[in-house]
Full PDB file with SEQRES, HELIX, SHEET, SSBOND, CRYST1, ORIGX, SCALE, CONECT and MASTER records, all heavy atoms in Angstrom:
SEQRES   1 A   30  LYS GLY THR GLY ALA GLY ALA VAL ASN LYS VAL ASP GLN          
SEQRES   2 A   30  LEU GLY GLY VAL LEU ASP ASP ALA THR LEU VAL THR ALA          
SEQRES   3 A   30  PRO ALA ALA SER                                              
HELIX    1 AA1 GLY A   15  LEU A   18  1                                   4    
CRYST1    1.000    1.000    1.000  90.00  90.00  90.00 P 1           1          
ORIGX1      1.000000  0.000000  0.000000        0.00000                         
ORIGX2      0.000000  1.000000  0.000000        0.00000                         
ORIGX3      0.000000  0.000000  1.000000        0.00000                         
SCALE1      1.000000  0.000000  0.000000        0.00000                         
SCALE2      0.000000  1.000000  0.000000        0.00000                         
SCALE3      0.000000  0.000000  1.000000        0.00000                         
ATOM      1  N   LYS A   1     -41.188-140.469  52.301  1.00  0.00           N  
ATOM      2  CA  LYS A   1     -42.238-139.698  51.784  1.00  0.00           C  
ATOM      3  C   LYS A   1     -43.037-138.878  52.849  1.00  0.00           C  
ATOM      4  O   LYS A   1     -44.018-138.365  52.506  1.00  0.00           O  
ATOM      5  CB  LYS A   1     -43.263-140.727  50.987  1.00  0.00           C  
ATOM      6  CG  LYS A   1     -42.680-141.379  49.897  1.00  0.00           C  
ATOM      7  CD  LYS A   1     -43.724-142.299  49.158  1.00  0.00           C  
ATOM      8  CE  LYS A   1     -43.159-142.961  47.876  1.00  0.00           C  
ATOM      9  NZ  LYS A   1     -44.190-143.825  47.205  1.00  0.00           N  
ATOM     10  N   GLY A   2     -42.411-138.841  53.939  1.00  0.00           N  
ATOM     11  CA  GLY A   2     -42.988-138.114  55.124  1.00  0.00           C  
ATOM     12  C   GLY A   2     -42.610-136.616  55.026  1.00  0.00           C  
ATOM     13  O   GLY A   2     -42.067-136.117  54.173  1.00  0.00           O  
ATOM     14  N   THR A   3     -43.038-136.009  56.215  1.00  0.00           N  
ATOM     15  CA  THR A   3     -42.698-134.503  56.449  1.00  0.00           C  
ATOM     16  C   THR A   3     -41.588-134.389  57.376  1.00  0.00           C  
ATOM     17  O   THR A   3     -41.234-133.168  57.609  1.00  0.00           O  
ATOM     18  CB  THR A   3     -43.970-133.878  56.897  1.00  0.00           C  
ATOM     19  OG1 THR A   3     -44.409-134.517  58.203  1.00  0.00           O  
ATOM     20  CG2 THR A   3     -45.172-133.950  55.830  1.00  0.00           C  
ATOM     21  N   GLY A   4     -41.141-135.388  58.023  1.00  0.00           N  
ATOM     22  CA  GLY A   4     -39.992-135.289  58.955  1.00  0.00           C  
ATOM     23  C   GLY A   4     -38.960-136.352  58.624  1.00  0.00           C  
ATOM     24  O   GLY A   4     -39.122-137.143  57.661  1.00  0.00           O  
ATOM     25  N   ALA A   5     -37.870-136.299  59.372  1.00  0.00           N  
ATOM     26  CA  ALA A   5     -36.748-137.251  59.090  1.00  0.00           C  
ATOM     27  C   ALA A   5     -37.380-138.789  59.451  1.00  0.00           C  
ATOM     28  O   ALA A   5     -38.113-138.890  60.285  1.00  0.00           O  
ATOM     29  CB  ALA A   5     -35.635-136.976  60.096  1.00  0.00           C  
ATOM     30  N   GLY A   6     -36.898-139.652  58.604  1.00  0.00           N  
ATOM     31  CA  GLY A   6     -37.381-140.932  58.629  1.00  0.00           C  
ATOM     32  C   GLY A   6     -36.299-141.984  58.822  1.00  0.00           C  
ATOM     33  O   GLY A   6     -35.141-141.893  58.327  1.00  0.00           O  
ATOM     34  N   ALA A   7     -36.464-142.942  59.777  1.00  0.00           N  
ATOM     35  CA  ALA A   7     -35.498-143.960  60.123  1.00  0.00           C  
ATOM     36  C   ALA A   7     -35.540-145.169  59.086  1.00  0.00           C  
ATOM     37  O   ALA A   7     -36.556-145.540  58.567  1.00  0.00           O  
ATOM     38  CB  ALA A   7     -35.729-144.490  61.566  1.00  0.00           C  
ATOM     39  N   VAL A   8     -34.227-145.628  58.868  1.00  0.00           N  
ATOM     40  CA  VAL A   8     -34.163-146.876  58.009  1.00  0.00           C  
ATOM     41  C   VAL A   8     -33.558-147.926  58.883  1.00  0.00           C  
ATOM     42  O   VAL A   8     -32.444-147.685  59.523  1.00  0.00           O  
ATOM     43  CB  VAL A   8     -33.296-146.612  56.835  1.00  0.00           C  
ATOM     44  CG1 VAL A   8     -32.932-147.902  56.071  1.00  0.00           C  
ATOM     45  CG2 VAL A   8     -33.860-145.523  55.936  1.00  0.00           C  
ATOM     46  N   ASN A   9     -34.154-149.029  59.047  1.00  0.00           N  
ATOM     47  CA  ASN A   9     -33.607-150.096  59.864  1.00  0.00           C  
ATOM     48  C   ASN A   9     -34.186-151.505  59.256  1.00  0.00           C  
ATOM     49  O   ASN A   9     -35.307-151.851  59.552  1.00  0.00           O  
ATOM     50  CB  ASN A   9     -34.044-150.016  61.276  1.00  0.00           C  
ATOM     51  CG  ASN A   9     -33.355-151.038  62.133  1.00  0.00           C  
ATOM     52  OD1 ASN A   9     -32.404-151.757  61.723  1.00  0.00           O  
ATOM     53  ND2 ASN A   9     -33.773-151.205  63.421  1.00  0.00           N  
ATOM     54  N   LYS A  10     -33.400-152.006  58.309  1.00  0.00           N  
ATOM     55  CA  LYS A  10     -33.883-153.166  57.658  1.00  0.00           C  
ATOM     56  C   LYS A  10     -32.715-154.291  57.552  1.00  0.00           C  
ATOM     57  O   LYS A  10     -31.603-153.950  57.667  1.00  0.00           O  
ATOM     58  CB  LYS A  10     -34.302-152.888  56.204  1.00  0.00           C  
ATOM     59  CG  LYS A  10     -35.614-152.112  56.122  1.00  0.00           C  
ATOM     60  CD  LYS A  10     -36.763-153.114  56.288  1.00  0.00           C  
ATOM     61  CE  LYS A  10     -38.101-152.381  56.082  1.00  0.00           C  
ATOM     62  NZ  LYS A  10     -39.282-153.355  56.176  1.00  0.00           N  
ATOM     63  N   VAL A  11     -33.152-155.530  57.304  1.00  0.00           N  
ATOM     64  CA  VAL A  11     -32.244-156.642  57.165  1.00  0.00           C  
ATOM     65  C   VAL A  11     -32.531-157.287  55.795  1.00  0.00           C  
ATOM     66  O   VAL A  11     -33.703-157.605  55.518  1.00  0.00           O  
ATOM     67  CB  VAL A  11     -32.447-157.716  58.362  1.00  0.00           C  
ATOM     68  CG1 VAL A  11     -31.546-158.812  58.052  1.00  0.00           C  
ATOM     69  CG2 VAL A  11     -31.936-157.027  59.567  1.00  0.00           C  
ATOM     70  N   ASP A  12     -31.524-157.450  55.046  1.00  0.00           N  
ATOM     71  CA  ASP A  12     -31.621-158.165  53.786  1.00  0.00           C  
ATOM     72  C   ASP A  12     -31.174-159.616  53.926  1.00  0.00           C  
ATOM     73  O   ASP A  12     -30.067-159.832  54.264  1.00  0.00           O  
ATOM     74  CB  ASP A  12     -30.840-157.475  52.629  1.00  0.00           C  
ATOM     75  CG  ASP A  12     -31.252-157.946  51.270  1.00  0.00           C  
ATOM     76  OD1 ASP A  12     -32.448-157.787  50.894  1.00  0.00           O  
ATOM     77  OD2 ASP A  12     -30.394-158.495  50.570  1.00  0.00           O  
ATOM     78  N   GLN A  13     -32.102-160.395  53.763  1.00  0.00           N  
ATOM     79  CA  GLN A  13     -31.735-161.957  53.981  1.00  0.00           C  
ATOM     80  C   GLN A  13     -31.488-162.559  52.622  1.00  0.00           C  
ATOM     81  O   GLN A  13     -32.373-162.730  51.745  1.00  0.00           O  
ATOM     82  CB  GLN A  13     -32.973-162.511  54.672  1.00  0.00           C  
ATOM     83  CG  GLN A  13     -32.903-164.165  54.779  1.00  0.00           C  
ATOM     84  CD  GLN A  13     -31.718-164.565  55.546  1.00  0.00           C  
ATOM     85  OE1 GLN A  13     -30.696-165.103  54.978  1.00  0.00           O  
ATOM     86  NE2 GLN A  13     -31.782-164.347  56.886  1.00  0.00           N  
ATOM     87  N   LEU A  14     -30.258-162.942  52.329  1.00  0.00           N  
ATOM     88  CA  LEU A  14     -29.920-163.511  51.027  1.00  0.00           C  
ATOM     89  C   LEU A  14     -29.274-164.860  51.211  1.00  0.00           C  
ATOM     90  O   LEU A  14     -28.587-165.415  50.294  1.00  0.00           O  
ATOM     91  CB  LEU A  14     -28.955-162.674  50.303  1.00  0.00           C  
ATOM     92  CG  LEU A  14     -27.568-162.278  50.785  1.00  0.00           C  
ATOM     93  CD1 LEU A  14     -26.586-161.912  49.714  1.00  0.00           C  
ATOM     94  CD2 LEU A  14     -27.602-161.170  51.804  1.00  0.00           C  
ATOM     95  N   GLY A  15     -29.730-165.605  52.294  1.00  0.00           N  
ATOM     96  CA  GLY A  15     -29.247-167.047  52.491  1.00  0.00           C  
ATOM     97  C   GLY A  15     -29.799-167.867  51.358  1.00  0.00           C  
ATOM     98  O   GLY A  15     -29.202-168.813  50.983  1.00  0.00           O  
ATOM     99  N   GLY A  16     -30.999-167.541  50.961  1.00  0.00           N  
ATOM    100  CA  GLY A  16     -31.692-168.265  49.881  1.00  0.00           C  
ATOM    101  C   GLY A  16     -31.045-168.062  48.475  1.00  0.00           C  
ATOM    102  O   GLY A  16     -31.402-168.689  47.510  1.00  0.00           O  
ATOM    103  N   VAL A  17     -30.084-167.113  48.413  1.00  0.00           N  
ATOM    104  CA  VAL A  17     -29.315-166.829  47.140  1.00  0.00           C  
ATOM    105  C   VAL A  17     -28.059-167.510  47.177  1.00  0.00           C  
ATOM    106  O   VAL A  17     -27.534-167.998  46.188  1.00  0.00           O  
ATOM    107  CB  VAL A  17     -29.220-165.282  46.962  1.00  0.00           C  
ATOM    108  CG1 VAL A  17     -28.244-164.941  45.885  1.00  0.00           C  
ATOM    109  CG2 VAL A  17     -30.499-164.518  46.794  1.00  0.00           C  
ATOM    110  N   LEU A  18     -27.326-167.340  48.308  1.00  0.00           N  
ATOM    111  CA  LEU A  18     -25.971-167.772  48.348  1.00  0.00           C  
ATOM    112  C   LEU A  18     -25.780-169.305  48.343  1.00  0.00           C  
ATOM    113  O   LEU A  18     -24.658-169.811  48.258  1.00  0.00           O  
ATOM    114  CB  LEU A  18     -25.310-167.233  49.725  1.00  0.00           C  
ATOM    115  CG  LEU A  18     -25.166-165.662  49.717  1.00  0.00           C  
ATOM    116  CD1 LEU A  18     -24.492-165.221  50.972  1.00  0.00           C  
ATOM    117  CD2 LEU A  18     -24.517-165.251  48.460  1.00  0.00           C  
ATOM    118  N   ASP A  19     -26.933-170.117  48.471  1.00  0.00           N  
ATOM    119  CA  ASP A  19     -26.685-171.579  48.227  1.00  0.00           C  
ATOM    120  C   ASP A  19     -26.619-171.871  46.803  1.00  0.00           C  
ATOM    121  O   ASP A  19     -26.162-172.952  46.420  1.00  0.00           O  
ATOM    122  CB  ASP A  19     -27.900-172.363  48.850  1.00  0.00           C  
ATOM    123  CG  ASP A  19     -29.239-171.977  48.381  1.00  0.00           C  
ATOM    124  OD1 ASP A  19     -29.372-170.855  47.876  1.00  0.00           O  
ATOM    125  OD2 ASP A  19     -30.077-172.849  48.375  1.00  0.00           O  
ATOM    126  N   ASP A  20     -27.074-170.952  45.925  1.00  0.00           N  
ATOM    127  CA  ASP A  20     -27.024-171.084  44.473  1.00  0.00           C  
ATOM    128  C   ASP A  20     -26.092-170.154  43.745  1.00  0.00           C  
ATOM    129  O   ASP A  20     -25.947-170.292  42.504  1.00  0.00           O  
ATOM    130  CB  ASP A  20     -28.502-170.981  43.838  1.00  0.00           C  
ATOM    131  CG  ASP A  20     -29.460-172.014  44.527  1.00  0.00           C  
ATOM    132  OD1 ASP A  20     -29.364-173.167  44.065  1.00  0.00           O  
ATOM    133  OD2 ASP A  20     -30.257-171.534  45.373  1.00  0.00           O  
ATOM    134  N   ALA A  21     -25.650-169.180  44.363  1.00  0.00           N  
ATOM    135  CA  ALA A  21     -24.827-168.126  43.771  1.00  0.00           C  
ATOM    136  C   ALA A  21     -23.669-167.636  44.695  1.00  0.00           C  
ATOM    137  O   ALA A  21     -23.757-167.793  45.896  1.00  0.00           O  
ATOM    138  CB  ALA A  21     -25.677-166.983  43.303  1.00  0.00           C  
ATOM    139  N   THR A  22     -22.729-166.923  44.069  1.00  0.00           N  
ATOM    140  CA  THR A  22     -21.652-166.454  44.818  1.00  0.00           C  
ATOM    141  C   THR A  22     -21.723-164.841  44.804  1.00  0.00           C  
ATOM    142  O   THR A  22     -21.982-164.257  43.753  1.00  0.00           O  
ATOM    143  CB  THR A  22     -20.253-166.900  44.163  1.00  0.00           C  
ATOM    144  OG1 THR A  22     -20.264-168.339  44.173  1.00  0.00           O  
ATOM    145  CG2 THR A  22     -19.137-166.405  44.976  1.00  0.00           C  
ATOM    146  N   LEU A  23     -21.409-164.264  45.954  1.00  0.00           N  
ATOM    147  CA  LEU A  23     -21.374-162.759  45.965  1.00  0.00           C  
ATOM    148  C   LEU A  23     -20.142-162.265  45.346  1.00  0.00           C  
ATOM    149  O   LEU A  23     -19.046-162.607  45.673  1.00  0.00           O  
ATOM    150  CB  LEU A  23     -21.413-162.334  47.449  1.00  0.00           C  
ATOM    151  CG  LEU A  23     -21.485-160.812  47.794  1.00  0.00           C  
ATOM    152  CD1 LEU A  23     -22.853-160.287  47.299  1.00  0.00           C  
ATOM    153  CD2 LEU A  23     -21.329-160.511  49.254  1.00  0.00           C  
ATOM    154  N   VAL A  24     -20.295-161.479  44.310  1.00  0.00           N  
ATOM    155  CA  VAL A  24     -19.164-160.951  43.493  1.00  0.00           C  
ATOM    156  C   VAL A  24     -18.929-159.404  43.796  1.00  0.00           C  
ATOM    157  O   VAL A  24     -17.821-158.896  43.690  1.00  0.00           O  
ATOM    158  CB  VAL A  24     -19.314-161.192  42.055  1.00  0.00           C  
ATOM    159  CG1 VAL A  24     -19.275-162.697  41.731  1.00  0.00           C  
ATOM    160  CG2 VAL A  24     -20.649-160.581  41.467  1.00  0.00           C  
ATOM    161  N   THR A  25     -20.092-158.674  44.198  1.00  0.00           N  
ATOM    162  CA  THR A  25     -19.912-157.338  44.571  1.00  0.00           C  
ATOM    163  C   THR A  25     -20.641-157.049  45.834  1.00  0.00           C  
ATOM    164  O   THR A  25     -21.906-157.317  45.896  1.00  0.00           O  
ATOM    165  CB  THR A  25     -20.542-156.376  43.472  1.00  0.00           C  
ATOM    166  OG1 THR A  25     -19.822-156.641  42.191  1.00  0.00           O  
ATOM    167  CG2 THR A  25     -20.238-154.953  43.844  1.00  0.00           C  
ATOM    168  N   ALA A  26     -20.006-156.652  46.891  1.00  0.00           N  
ATOM    169  CA  ALA A  26     -20.581-156.508  48.285  1.00  0.00           C  
ATOM    170  C   ALA A  26     -21.576-155.372  48.246  1.00  0.00           C  
ATOM    171  O   ALA A  26     -21.484-154.424  47.474  1.00  0.00           O  
ATOM    172  CB  ALA A  26     -19.455-156.267  49.267  1.00  0.00           C  
ATOM    173  N   PRO A  27     -22.632-155.529  49.171  1.00  0.00           N  
ATOM    174  CA  PRO A  27     -23.593-154.436  49.237  1.00  0.00           C  
ATOM    175  C   PRO A  27     -22.985-153.067  49.571  1.00  0.00           C  
ATOM    176  O   PRO A  27     -22.066-152.933  50.456  1.00  0.00           O  
ATOM    177  CB  PRO A  27     -24.440-154.806  50.354  1.00  0.00           C  
ATOM    178  CG  PRO A  27     -24.322-156.306  50.507  1.00  0.00           C  
ATOM    179  CD  PRO A  27     -22.885-156.570  50.046  1.00  0.00           C  
ATOM    180  N   ALA A  28     -23.300-151.988  48.859  1.00  0.00           N  
ATOM    181  CA  ALA A  28     -22.799-150.662  49.032  1.00  0.00           C  
ATOM    182  C   ALA A  28     -24.008-149.642  48.856  1.00  0.00           C  
ATOM    183  O   ALA A  28     -24.921-149.750  48.087  1.00  0.00           O  
ATOM    184  CB  ALA A  28     -21.733-150.342  48.045  1.00  0.00           C  
ATOM    185  N   ALA A  29     -23.914-148.592  49.744  1.00  0.00           N  
ATOM    186  CA  ALA A  29     -24.981-147.521  49.828  1.00  0.00           C  
ATOM    187  C   ALA A  29     -24.587-146.412  48.784  1.00  0.00           C  
ATOM    188  O   ALA A  29     -23.461-146.032  48.616  1.00  0.00           O  
ATOM    189  CB  ALA A  29     -25.244-147.061  51.169  1.00  0.00           C  
ATOM    190  N   SER A  30     -25.679-145.827  48.260  1.00  0.00           N  
ATOM    191  CA  SER A  30     -25.460-144.642  47.394  1.00  0.00           C  
ATOM    192  C   SER A  30     -25.410-143.358  48.135  1.00  0.00           C  
ATOM    193  O   SER A  30     -24.963-142.240  47.543  1.00  0.00           O  
ATOM    194  CB  SER A  30     -26.617-144.597  46.395  1.00  0.00           C  
ATOM    195  OG  SER A  30     -27.832-144.275  47.066  1.00  0.00           O  
TER     196      SER A  30                                                      
MASTER        0    0    0    1    0    0    0    6  195    1    0    3          
END                                                                             
């Protein structure tokens, strides 16, 4: 939402998901 180029640098923590579920489709960017 800025006026210049913006950096993306994030970590998605899904350890609290994978103890109860199985990954069936790997993360992919649009």
